[in-house]
Amino acid sequence: MPNTKQAEKRIRITAKRTARNRHVKSTVKTAVRRFSDTLAQGNLEAAGDKLKSAVKTIDKAVSKGVIHKNAAARKKSRLTKSLNRAASGNR
């Protein structure tokens, strides 16, 4: 239990931020999963569109401060690399 008004306020703020961060992270994971599923089906054109969507979602998460920019760069790089491997025929 919080002992001060400020502690009560921090609890409310933390709860609000945690909820927002959870939603944004979930959105990123969903976008990445949709891309991976489309790529696994072998549909490269649709996978390219899903990649654009995933990258956009990741960039939005960075701008909101939910994930670090280097973590986002790593995710985007790995997704792009997987699409390029599939396009060239090497898995």
Protein backbone atom coordinates (compact mmCIF):
# COMPACT_ATOMS: atom_id res chain seq x y z
CA MET A 1 0.00 0.00 0.00
CA PRO A 2 1.31 3.44 -0.86
CA ASN A 3 1.92 5.75 2.06
CA THR A 4 1.87 9.08 0.24
CA LYS A 5 -0.19 10.79 -2.44
CA GLN A 6 2.85 10.80 -4.70
CA ALA A 7 3.26 7.04 -4.29
CA GLU A 8 -0.41 6.56 -5.23
CA LYS A 9 0.09 8.69 -8.31
CA ARG A 10 3.21 6.75 -9.34
CA ILE A 11 1.24 3.51 -9.09
CA ARG A 12 -1.47 4.91 -11.38
CA ILE A 13 1.09 6.21 -13.88
CA THR A 14 3.03 2.94 -13.88
CA ALA A 15 -0.15 0.94 -14.48
CA LYS A 16 -1.12 3.17 -17.39
CA ARG A 17 2.35 2.98 -18.98
CA THR A 18 2.56 -0.77 -18.46
CA ALA A 19 -0.77 -1.26 -20.23
CA ARG A 20 0.34 0.90 -23.17
CA ASN A 21 3.70 -0.86 -23.43
CA ARG A 22 2.05 -4.27 -23.31
CA HIS A 23 -0.31 -3.30 -26.12
CA VAL A 24 2.47 -1.92 -28.33
CA LYS A 25 4.72 -4.95 -27.78
CA SER A 26 1.82 -7.27 -28.57
CA THR A 27 1.14 -5.35 -31.78
CA VAL A 28 4.79 -5.71 -32.82
CA LYS A 29 4.77 -9.44 -32.10
CA THR A 30 1.57 -9.89 -34.10
CA ALA A 31 3.00 -8.02 -37.10
CA VAL A 32 6.18 -10.12 -37.01
CA ARG A 33 4.18 -13.34 -36.69
CA ARG A 34 1.95 -12.43 -39.64
CA PHE A 35 5.05 -11.79 -41.74
CA SER A 36 6.62 -15.09 -40.69
CA ASP A 37 3.44 -17.03 -41.41
CA THR A 38 3.09 -15.48 -44.85
CA LEU A 39 6.75 -16.17 -45.62
CA ALA A 40 6.38 -19.79 -44.49
CA GLN A 41 3.53 -20.23 -46.97
CA GLY A 42 5.91 -19.16 -49.74
CA ASN A 43 3.95 -16.12 -50.87
CA LEU A 44 6.82 -13.66 -51.38
CA GLU A 45 4.77 -10.70 -52.64
CA ALA A 46 2.41 -10.82 -49.68
CA ALA A 47 5.40 -11.37 -47.38
CA GLY A 48 6.96 -8.19 -48.75
CA ASP A 49 3.81 -6.27 -47.87
CA LYS A 50 3.72 -7.83 -44.41
CA LEU A 51 7.38 -6.90 -43.95
CA LYS A 52 6.59 -3.26 -44.69
CA SER A 53 3.78 -3.38 -42.17
CA ALA A 54 5.99 -5.03 -39.54
CA VAL A 55 8.77 -2.47 -40.04
CA LYS A 56 6.26 0.37 -39.71
CA THR A 57 4.91 -1.13 -36.49
CA ILE A 58 8.42 -1.59 -35.08
CA ASP A 59 9.31 2.01 -35.93
CA LYS A 60 6.17 3.24 -34.16
CA ALA A 61 7.15 1.25 -31.07
CA VAL A 62 10.57 2.93 -31.11
CA SER A 63 9.05 6.38 -31.42
CA LYS A 64 6.88 5.69 -28.37
CA GLY A 65 9.92 4.52 -26.41
CA VAL A 66 8.64 1.00 -25.91
CA ILE A 67 11.61 -0.75 -27.53
CA HIS A 68 15.17 0.46 -27.98
CA LYS A 69 16.22 1.66 -31.43
CA ASN A 70 19.03 -0.90 -31.67
CA ALA A 71 16.67 -3.74 -30.78
CA ALA A 72 14.32 -2.48 -33.48
CA ALA A 73 17.15 -2.31 -36.00
CA ARG A 74 18.10 -5.88 -35.15
CA LYS A 75 14.52 -7.11 -35.58
CA LYS A 76 14.11 -5.31 -38.91
CA SER A 77 17.44 -6.64 -40.15
CA ARG A 78 16.57 -10.22 -39.29
CA LEU A 79 13.15 -9.99 -40.91
CA THR A 80 14.60 -8.48 -44.08
CA LYS A 81 17.34 -11.09 -44.16
CA SER A 82 14.79 -13.89 -43.89
CA LEU A 83 12.78 -12.45 -46.78
CA ASN A 84 15.90 -12.06 -48.92
CA ARG A 85 16.97 -15.65 -48.17
CA ALA A 86 13.54 -16.94 -49.17
CA ALA A 87 13.59 -14.87 -52.36
CA SER A 88 16.99 -16.20 -53.38
CA GLY A 89 15.95 -19.76 -52.66
CA ASN A 90 18.40 -20.39 -49.80
CA ARG A 91 16.91 -21.28 -46.45
